[in-house]
Amino acid sequence: MKAIRSILLSLLAIMMGGGLMILQLSAAEIYKWVDEKGTVHFTEDPSTVPEKYLDKVRTRTTQEDSMTPEGKGRAKGREEEGTRDQ
């Protein structure tokens, strides 16, 4: 019985850790810049942007970033319904 309980607690910890990682990924800010050749670059770490492009960096903010968790769930549900209709 102890072994089963230990396994269940381990699985619960793994699932919670995965959930926290997903939340962290969804909150990541994206930085964009264009180099002298016109190539568009994206990064999550602004320290990796070359110094000469720092004044041209733009951050990406989506409508989803300002939604509550409930609003995100409703939007995802509407998106899935639209996919099924096609």
PDB file of N, CA and C in Angstrom:
ATOM      1  N   MET A   1       0.813  -1.189   0.000  1.00  0.00           N
ATOM      2  CA  MET A   1       0.000   0.000   0.000  1.00  0.00           C
ATOM      3  C   MET A   1       0.862   1.260   0.000  1.00  0.00           C
ATOM      4  N   LYS A   2       1.985   1.213   0.767  1.00  0.00           N
ATOM      5  CA  LYS A   2       2.894   2.365   0.811  1.00  0.00           C
ATOM      6  C   LYS A   2       3.494   2.647  -0.561  1.00  0.00           C
ATOM      7  N   ALA A   3       3.796   1.601  -1.293  1.00  0.00           N
ATOM      8  CA  ALA A   3       4.402   1.749  -2.610  1.00  0.00           C
ATOM      9  C   ALA A   3       3.427   2.435  -3.575  1.00  0.00           C
ATOM     10  N   ILE A   4       2.170   2.031  -3.534  1.00  0.00           N
ATOM     11  CA  ILE A   4       1.157   2.635  -4.413  1.00  0.00           C
ATOM     12  C   ILE A   4       0.973   4.103  -4.073  1.00  0.00           C
ATOM     13  N   ARG A   5       0.913   4.394  -2.762  1.00  0.00           N
ATOM     14  CA  ARG A   5       0.756   5.785  -2.339  1.00  0.00           C
ATOM     15  C   ARG A   5       1.948   6.627  -2.796  1.00  0.00           C
ATOM     16  N   SER A   6       3.131   6.090  -2.676  1.00  0.00           N
ATOM     17  CA  SER A   6       4.342   6.790  -3.102  1.00  0.00           C
ATOM     18  C   SER A   6       4.323   7.061  -4.604  1.00  0.00           C
ATOM     19  N   ILE A   7       3.899   6.069  -5.366  1.00  0.00           N
ATOM     20  CA  ILE A   7       3.808   6.229  -6.826  1.00  0.00           C
ATOM     21  C   ILE A   7       2.783   7.292  -7.189  1.00  0.00           C
ATOM     22  N   LEU A   8       1.620   7.260  -6.539  1.00  0.00           N
ATOM     23  CA  LEU A   8       0.577   8.239  -6.818  1.00  0.00           C
ATOM     24  C   LEU A   8       1.029   9.663  -6.473  1.00  0.00           C
ATOM     25  N   LEU A   9       1.701   9.816  -5.347  1.00  0.00           N
ATOM     26  CA  LEU A   9       2.213  11.131  -4.969  1.00  0.00           C
ATOM     27  C   LEU A   9       3.272  11.617  -5.962  1.00  0.00           C
ATOM     28  N   SER A  10       4.112  10.721  -6.434  1.00  0.00           N
ATOM     29  CA  SER A  10       5.124  11.082  -7.425  1.00  0.00           C
ATOM     30  C   SER A  10       4.476  11.529  -8.726  1.00  0.00           C
ATOM     31  N   LEU A  11       3.460  10.789  -9.175  1.00  0.00           N
ATOM     32  CA  LEU A  11       2.751  11.163 -10.402  1.00  0.00           C
ATOM     33  C   LEU A  11       2.062  12.518 -10.253  1.00  0.00           C
ATOM     34  N   LEU A  12       1.474  12.755  -9.098  1.00  0.00           N
ATOM     35  CA  LEU A  12       0.818  14.036  -8.836  1.00  0.00           C
ATOM     36  C   LEU A  12       1.836  15.176  -8.891  1.00  0.00           C
ATOM     37  N   ALA A  13       2.985  14.970  -8.294  1.00  0.00           N
ATOM     38  CA  ALA A  13       4.034  15.998  -8.300  1.00  0.00           C
ATOM     39  C   ALA A  13       4.514  16.274  -9.730  1.00  0.00           C
ATOM     40  N   ILE A  14       4.666  15.233 -10.518  1.00  0.00           N
ATOM     41  CA  ILE A  14       5.103  15.399 -11.905  1.00  0.00           C
ATOM     42  C   ILE A  14       4.062  16.174 -12.701  1.00  0.00           C
ATOM     43  N   MET A  15       2.790  15.832 -12.523  1.00  0.00           N
ATOM     44  CA  MET A  15       1.723  16.522 -13.264  1.00  0.00           C
ATOM     45  C   MET A  15       1.644  17.990 -12.853  1.00  0.00           C
ATOM     46  N   MET A  16       1.778  18.283 -11.572  1.00  0.00           N
ATOM     47  CA  MET A  16       1.727  19.668 -11.116  1.00  0.00           C
ATOM     48  C   MET A  16       2.922  20.446 -11.654  1.00  0.00           C
ATOM     49  N   GLY A  17       4.088  19.830 -11.650  1.00  0.00           N
ATOM     50  CA  GLY A  17       5.277  20.485 -12.194  1.00  0.00           C
ATOM     51  C   GLY A  17       5.110  20.787 -13.675  1.00  0.00           C
ATOM     52  N   GLY A  18       4.533  19.857 -14.417  1.00  0.00           N
ATOM     53  CA  GLY A  18       4.271  20.083 -15.840  1.00  0.00           C
ATOM     54  C   GLY A  18       3.289  21.213 -16.054  1.00  0.00           C
ATOM     55  N   GLY A  19       2.272  21.273 -15.216  1.00  0.00           N
ATOM     56  CA  GLY A  19       1.289  22.349 -15.310  1.00  0.00           C
ATOM     57  C   GLY A  19       1.913  23.701 -15.043  1.00  0.00           C
ATOM     58  N   LEU A  20       2.788  23.773 -14.074  1.00  0.00           N
ATOM     59  CA  LEU A  20       3.468  25.038 -13.774  1.00  0.00           C
ATOM     60  C   LEU A  20       4.381  25.459 -14.920  1.00  0.00           C
ATOM     61  N   MET A  21       5.030  24.490 -15.560  1.00  0.00           N
ATOM     62  CA  MET A  21       5.892  24.817 -16.701  1.00  0.00           C
ATOM     63  C   MET A  21       5.066  25.380 -17.847  1.00  0.00           C
ATOM     64  N   ILE A  22       3.897  24.833 -18.092  1.00  0.00           N
ATOM     65  CA  ILE A  22       3.029  25.328 -19.161  1.00  0.00           C
ATOM     66  C   ILE A  22       2.592  26.753 -18.864  1.00  0.00           C
ATOM     67  N   LEU A  23       2.234  27.031 -17.615  1.00  0.00           N
ATOM     68  CA  LEU A  23       1.846  28.389 -17.243  1.00  0.00           C
ATOM     69  C   LEU A  23       2.996  29.360 -17.455  1.00  0.00           C
ATOM     70  N   GLN A  24       4.196  28.936 -17.123  1.00  0.00           N
ATOM     71  CA  GLN A  24       5.354  29.796 -17.301  1.00  0.00           C
ATOM     72  C   GLN A  24       5.593  30.066 -18.785  1.00  0.00           C
ATOM     73  N   LEU A  25       5.442  29.075 -19.631  1.00  0.00           N
ATOM     74  CA  LEU A  25       5.636  29.266 -21.066  1.00  0.00           C
ATOM     75  C   LEU A  25       4.613  30.234 -21.645  1.00  0.00           C
ATOM     76  N   SER A  26       3.378  30.169 -21.171  1.00  0.00           N
ATOM     77  CA  SER A  26       2.352  31.030 -21.725  1.00  0.00           C
ATOM     78  C   SER A  26       2.557  32.483 -21.340  1.00  0.00           C
ATOM     79  N   ALA A  27       3.353  32.738 -20.301  1.00  0.00           N
ATOM     80  CA  ALA A  27       3.583  34.104 -19.862  1.00  0.00           C
ATOM     81  C   ALA A  27       4.863  34.691 -20.456  1.00  0.00           C
ATOM     82  N   ALA A  28       5.559  33.943 -21.293  1.00  0.00           N
ATOM     83  CA  ALA A  28       6.821  34.408 -21.862  1.00  0.00           C
ATOM     84  C   ALA A  28       6.585  35.570 -22.814  1.00  0.00           C
ATOM     85  N   GLU A  29       7.477  36.542 -22.752  1.00  0.00           N
ATOM     86  CA  GLU A  29       7.397  37.679 -23.646  1.00  0.00           C
ATOM     87  C   GLU A  29       8.308  37.405 -24.836  1.00  0.00           C
ATOM     88  N   ILE A  30       7.869  37.767 -26.021  1.00  0.00           N
ATOM     89  CA  ILE A  30       8.640  37.540 -27.241  1.00  0.00           C
ATOM     90  C   ILE A  30       9.197  38.879 -27.729  1.00  0.00           C
ATOM     91  N   TYR A  31      10.472  38.902 -28.050  1.00  0.00           N
ATOM     92  CA  TYR A  31      11.134  40.097 -28.560  1.00  0.00           C
ATOM     93  C   TYR A  31      11.478  39.872 -30.023  1.00  0.00           C
ATOM     94  N   LYS A  32      11.262  40.896 -30.836  1.00  0.00           N
ATOM     95  CA  LYS A  32      11.471  40.783 -32.276  1.00  0.00           C
ATOM     96  C   LYS A  32      12.342  41.946 -32.749  1.00  0.00           C
ATOM     97  N   TRP A  33      13.264  41.651 -33.658  1.00  0.00           N
ATOM     98  CA  TRP A  33      14.039  42.704 -34.310  1.00  0.00           C
ATOM     99  C   TRP A  33      14.398  42.256 -35.719  1.00  0.00           C
ATOM    100  N   VAL A  34      14.717  43.224 -36.555  1.00  0.00           N
ATOM    101  CA  VAL A  34      15.078  42.958 -37.947  1.00  0.00           C
ATOM    102  C   VAL A  34      16.508  43.443 -38.161  1.00  0.00           C
ATOM    103  N   ASP A  35      17.361  42.583 -38.730  1.00  0.00           N
ATOM    104  CA  ASP A  35      18.749  42.974 -38.949  1.00  0.00           C
ATOM    105  C   ASP A  35      18.901  43.752 -40.254  1.00  0.00           C
ATOM    106  N   GLU A  36      20.152  44.142 -40.566  1.00  0.00           N
ATOM    107  CA  GLU A  36      20.396  44.977 -41.754  1.00  0.00           C
ATOM    108  C   GLU A  36      20.100  44.268 -43.070  1.00  0.00           C
ATOM    109  N   LYS A  37      20.013  42.943 -43.060  1.00  0.00           N
ATOM    110  CA  LYS A  37      19.675  42.180 -44.261  1.00  0.00           C
ATOM    111  C   LYS A  37      18.168  41.979 -44.406  1.00  0.00           C
ATOM    112  N   GLY A  38      17.410  42.453 -43.413  1.00  0.00           N
ATOM    113  CA  GLY A  38      15.964  42.296 -43.458  1.00  0.00           C
ATOM    114  C   GLY A  38      15.466  41.004 -42.825  1.00  0.00           C
ATOM    115  N   THR A  39      16.372  40.258 -42.223  1.00  0.00           N
ATOM    116  CA  THR A  39      15.991  39.009 -41.569  1.00  0.00           C
ATOM    117  C   THR A  39      15.317  39.321 -40.234  1.00  0.00           C
ATOM    118  N   VAL A  40      14.159  38.715 -40.004  1.00  0.00           N
ATOM    119  CA  VAL A  40      13.426  38.915 -38.764  1.00  0.00           C
ATOM    120  C   VAL A  40      13.895  37.885 -37.746  1.00  0.00           C
ATOM    121  N   HIS A  41      14.186  38.353 -36.540  1.00  0.00           N
ATOM    122  CA  HIS A  41      14.646  37.485 -35.457  1.00  0.00           C
ATOM    123  C   HIS A  41      13.677  37.581 -34.287  1.00  0.00           C
ATOM    124  N   PHE A  42      13.512  36.464 -33.567  1.00  0.00           N
ATOM    125  CA  PHE A  42      12.665  36.417 -32.378  1.00  0.00           C
ATOM    126  C   PHE A  42      13.456  35.780 -31.248  1.00  0.00           C
ATOM    127  N   THR A  43      13.205  36.226 -30.028  1.00  0.00           N
ATOM    128  CA  THR A  43      13.837  35.635 -28.857  1.00  0.00           C
ATOM    129  C   THR A  43      12.966  35.865 -27.636  1.00  0.00           C
ATOM    130  N   GLU A  44      13.150  35.035 -26.622  1.00  0.00           N
ATOM    131  CA  GLU A  44      12.488  35.237 -25.337  1.00  0.00           C
ATOM    132  C   GLU A  44      13.435  35.900 -24.349  1.00  0.00           C
ATOM    133  N   ASP A  45      14.714  36.000 -24.713  1.00  0.00           N
ATOM    134  CA  ASP A  45      15.731  36.561 -23.824  1.00  0.00           C
ATOM    135  C   ASP A  45      16.284  37.843 -24.445  1.00  0.00           C
ATOM    136  N   PRO A  46      15.876  39.013 -23.935  1.00  0.00           N
ATOM    137  CA  PRO A  46      16.320  40.266 -24.546  1.00  0.00           C
ATOM    138  C   PRO A  46      17.831  40.471 -24.466  1.00  0.00           C
ATOM    139  N   SER A  47      18.522  39.761 -23.596  1.00  0.00           N
ATOM    140  CA  SER A  47      19.975  39.919 -23.507  1.00  0.00           C
ATOM    141  C   SER A  47      20.683  39.305 -24.717  1.00  0.00           C
ATOM    142  N   THR A  48      19.964  38.526 -25.535  1.00  0.00           N
ATOM    143  CA  THR A  48      20.580  37.927 -26.725  1.00  0.00           C
ATOM    144  C   THR A  48      20.448  38.817 -27.959  1.00  0.00           C
ATOM    145  N   VAL A  49      19.748  39.944 -27.822  1.00  0.00           N
ATOM    146  CA  VAL A  49      19.587  40.871 -28.953  1.00  0.00           C
ATOM    147  C   VAL A  49      20.891  41.653 -29.104  1.00  0.00           C
ATOM    148  N   PRO A  50      21.478  41.668 -30.311  1.00  0.00           N
ATOM    149  CA  PRO A  50      22.700  42.450 -30.513  1.00  0.00           C
ATOM    150  C   PRO A  50      22.473  43.920 -30.142  1.00  0.00           C
ATOM    151  N   GLU A  51      23.487  44.527 -29.538  1.00  0.00           N
ATOM    152  CA  GLU A  51      23.369  45.893 -29.020  1.00  0.00           C
ATOM    153  C   GLU A  51      22.907  46.895 -30.072  1.00  0.00           C
ATOM    154  N   LYS A  52      23.369  46.734 -31.310  1.00  0.00           N
ATOM    155  CA  LYS A  52      23.007  47.722 -32.335  1.00  0.00           C
ATOM    156  C   LYS A  52      21.531  47.657 -32.743  1.00  0.00           C
ATOM    157  N   TYR A  53      20.810  46.605 -32.313  1.00  0.00           N
ATOM    158  CA  TYR A  53      19.386  46.483 -32.648  1.00  0.00           C
ATOM    159  C   TYR A  53      18.472  46.748 -31.453  1.00  0.00           C
ATOM    160  N   LEU A  54      19.046  47.042 -30.295  1.00  0.00           N
ATOM    161  CA  LEU A  54      18.233  47.236 -29.096  1.00  0.00           C
ATOM    162  C   LEU A  54      17.183  48.332 -29.257  1.00  0.00           C
ATOM    163  N   ASP A  55      17.502  49.376 -30.010  1.00  0.00           N
ATOM    164  CA  ASP A  55      16.532  50.459 -30.188  1.00  0.00           C
ATOM    165  C   ASP A  55      15.413  50.084 -31.152  1.00  0.00           C
ATOM    166  N   LYS A  56      15.559  48.963 -31.852  1.00  0.00           N
ATOM    167  CA  LYS A  56      14.546  48.518 -32.817  1.00  0.00           C
ATOM    168  C   LYS A  56      13.736  47.321 -32.326  1.00  0.00           C
ATOM    169  N   VAL A  57      14.000  46.870 -31.110  1.00  0.00           N
ATOM    170  CA  VAL A  57      13.313  45.693 -30.573  1.00  0.00           C
ATOM    171  C   VAL A  57      11.852  46.031 -30.279  1.00  0.00           C
ATOM    172  N   ARG A  58      10.980  45.115 -30.655  1.00  0.00           N
ATOM    173  CA  ARG A  58       9.551  45.232 -30.370  1.00  0.00           C
ATOM    174  C   ARG A  58       9.151  44.009 -29.550  1.00  0.00           C
ATOM    175  N   THR A  59       8.243  44.199 -28.610  1.00  0.00           N
ATOM    176  CA  THR A  59       7.739  43.064 -27.849  1.00  0.00           C
ATOM    177  C   THR A  59       6.366  42.696 -28.376  1.00  0.00           C
ATOM    178  N   ARG A  60       6.054  41.446 -28.261  1.00  0.00           N
ATOM    179  CA  ARG A  60       4.772  40.948 -28.759  1.00  0.00           C
ATOM    180  C   ARG A  60       3.833  40.736 -27.585  1.00  0.00           C
ATOM    181  N   THR A  61       2.709  41.393 -27.636  1.00  0.00           N
ATOM    182  CA  THR A  61       1.668  41.229 -26.632  1.00  0.00           C
ATOM    183  C   THR A  61       0.406  40.802 -27.355  1.00  0.00           C
ATOM    184  N   THR A  62      -0.205  39.751 -26.884  1.00  0.00           N
ATOM    185  CA  THR A  62      -1.426  39.280 -27.511  1.00  0.00           C
ATOM    186  C   THR A  62      -2.613  39.564 -26.614  1.00  0.00           C
ATOM    187  N   GLN A  63      -3.777  39.480 -27.181  1.00  0.00           N
ATOM    188  CA  GLN A  63      -5.001  39.665 -26.408  1.00  0.00           C
ATOM    189  C   GLN A  63      -5.070  38.619 -25.304  1.00  0.00           C
ATOM    190  N   GLU A  64      -4.568  37.441 -25.585  1.00  0.00           N
ATOM    191  CA  GLU A  64      -4.605  36.354 -24.613  1.00  0.00           C
ATOM    192  C   GLU A  64      -3.791  36.684 -23.365  1.00  0.00           C
ATOM    193  N   ASP A  65      -2.730  37.489 -23.523  1.00  0.00           N
ATOM    194  CA  ASP A  65      -1.895  37.833 -22.379  1.00  0.00           C
ATOM    195  C   ASP A  65      -2.669  38.575 -21.295  1.00  0.00           C
ATOM    196  N   SER A  66      -3.694  39.312 -21.672  1.00  0.00           N
ATOM    197  CA  SER A  66      -4.447  40.097 -20.698  1.00  0.00           C
ATOM    198  C   SER A  66      -5.729  39.404 -20.247  1.00  0.00           C
ATOM    199  N   MET A  67      -5.978  38.187 -20.722  1.00  0.00           N
ATOM    200  CA  MET A  67      -7.198  37.462 -20.352  1.00  0.00           C
ATOM    201  C   MET A  67      -7.049  36.771 -19.001  1.00  0.00           C
ATOM    202  N   THR A  68      -8.179  36.601 -18.327  1.00  0.00           N
ATOM    203  CA  THR A  68      -8.200  35.788 -17.117  1.00  0.00           C
ATOM    204  C   THR A  68      -8.143  34.316 -17.544  1.00  0.00           C
ATOM    205  N   PRO A  69      -7.818  33.410 -16.628  1.00  0.00           N
ATOM    206  CA  PRO A  69      -7.821  31.983 -16.995  1.00  0.00           C
ATOM    207  C   PRO A  69      -9.174  31.521 -17.540  1.00  0.00           C
ATOM    208  N   GLU A  70     -10.261  32.049 -16.971  1.00  0.00           N
ATOM    209  CA  GLU A  70     -11.589  31.668 -17.447  1.00  0.00           C
ATOM    210  C   GLU A  70     -11.804  32.157 -18.876  1.00  0.00           C
ATOM    211  N   GLY A  71     -11.356  33.377 -19.164  1.00  0.00           N
ATOM    212  CA  GLY A  71     -11.491  33.930 -20.516  1.00  0.00           C
ATOM    213  C   GLY A  71     -10.688  33.137 -21.528  1.00  0.00           C
ATOM    214  N   LYS A  72      -9.495  32.695 -21.126  1.00  0.00           N
ATOM    215  CA  LYS A  72      -8.668  31.876 -22.019  1.00  0.00           C
ATOM    216  C   LYS A  72      -9.366  30.557 -22.324  1.00  0.00           C
ATOM    217  N   GLY A  73      -9.998  29.974 -21.285  1.00  0.00           N
ATOM    218  CA  GLY A  73     -10.718  28.709 -21.482  1.00  0.00           C
ATOM    219  C   GLY A  73     -11.884  28.871 -22.439  1.00  0.00           C
ATOM    220  N   ARG A  74     -12.639  29.963 -22.284  1.00  0.00           N
ATOM    221  CA  ARG A  74     -13.765  30.211 -23.186  1.00  0.00           C
ATOM    222  C   ARG A  74     -13.275  30.437 -24.615  1.00  0.00           C
ATOM    223  N   ALA A  75     -12.182  31.189 -24.782  1.00  0.00           N
ATOM    224  CA  ALA A  75     -11.645  31.455 -26.122  1.00  0.00           C
ATOM    225  C   ALA A  75     -11.173  30.160 -26.773  1.00  0.00           C
ATOM    226  N   LYS A  76     -10.521  29.305 -25.978  1.00  0.00           N
ATOM    227  CA  LYS A  76     -10.053  28.033 -26.519  1.00  0.00           C
ATOM    228  C   LYS A  76     -11.237  27.170 -26.942  1.00  0.00           C
ATOM    229  N   GLY A  77     -12.306  27.172 -26.143  1.00  0.00           N
ATOM    230  CA  GLY A  77     -13.505  26.407 -26.481  1.00  0.00           C
ATOM    231  C   GLY A  77     -14.123  26.892 -27.781  1.00  0.00           C
ATOM    232  N   ARG A  78     -14.204  28.206 -27.954  1.00  0.00           N
ATOM    233  CA  ARG A  78     -14.746  28.760 -29.203  1.00  0.00           C
ATOM    234  C   ARG A  78     -13.855  28.396 -30.386  1.00  0.00           C
ATOM    235  N   GLU A  79     -12.547  28.413 -30.166  1.00  0.00           N
ATOM    236  CA  GLU A  79     -11.603  28.064 -31.237  1.00  0.00           C
ATOM    237  C   GLU A  79     -11.780  26.604 -31.643  1.00  0.00           C
ATOM    238  N   GLU A  80     -11.942  25.717 -30.664  1.00  0.00           N
ATOM    239  CA  GLU A  80     -12.129  24.286 -30.957  1.00  0.00           C
ATOM    240  C   GLU A  80     -13.439  24.046 -31.658  1.00  0.00           C
ATOM    241  N   GLU A  81     -14.491  24.766 -31.295  1.00  0.00           N
ATOM    242  CA  GLU A  81     -15.777  24.623 -31.972  1.00  0.00           C
ATOM    243  C   GLU A  81     -15.662  25.034 -33.437  1.00  0.00           C
ATOM    244  N   GLY A  82     -14.927  26.108 -33.689  1.00  0.00           N
ATOM    245  CA  GLY A  82     -14.731  26.562 -35.059  1.00  0.00           C
ATOM    246  C   GLY A  82     -13.956  25.559 -35.891  1.00  0.00           C
ATOM    247  N   THR A  83     -13.002  24.877 -35.274  1.00  0.00           N
ATOM    248  CA  THR A  83     -12.213  23.867 -35.972  1.00  0.00           C
ATOM    249  C   THR A  83     -13.074  22.665 -36.331  1.00  0.00           C
ATOM    250  N   ARG A  84     -13.982  22.275 -35.428  1.00  0.00           N
ATOM    251  CA  ARG A  84     -14.852  21.132 -35.700  1.00  0.00           C
ATOM    252  C   ARG A  84     -15.869  21.434 -36.788  1.00  0.00           C
ATOM    253  N   ASP A  85     -16.271  22.685 -36.937  1.00  0.00           N
ATOM    254  CA  ASP A  85     -17.269  23.057 -37.932  1.00  0.00           C
ATOM    255  C   ASP A  85     -16.718  22.992 -39.353  1.00  0.00           C
ATOM    256  N   GLN A  86     -15.425  23.053 -39.495  1.00  0.00           N
ATOM    257  CA  GLN A  86     -14.838  23.106 -40.851  1.00  0.00           C
ATOM    258  C   GLN A  86     -14.725  21.757 -41.482  1.00  0.00           C
TER     259      GLN A  86
END
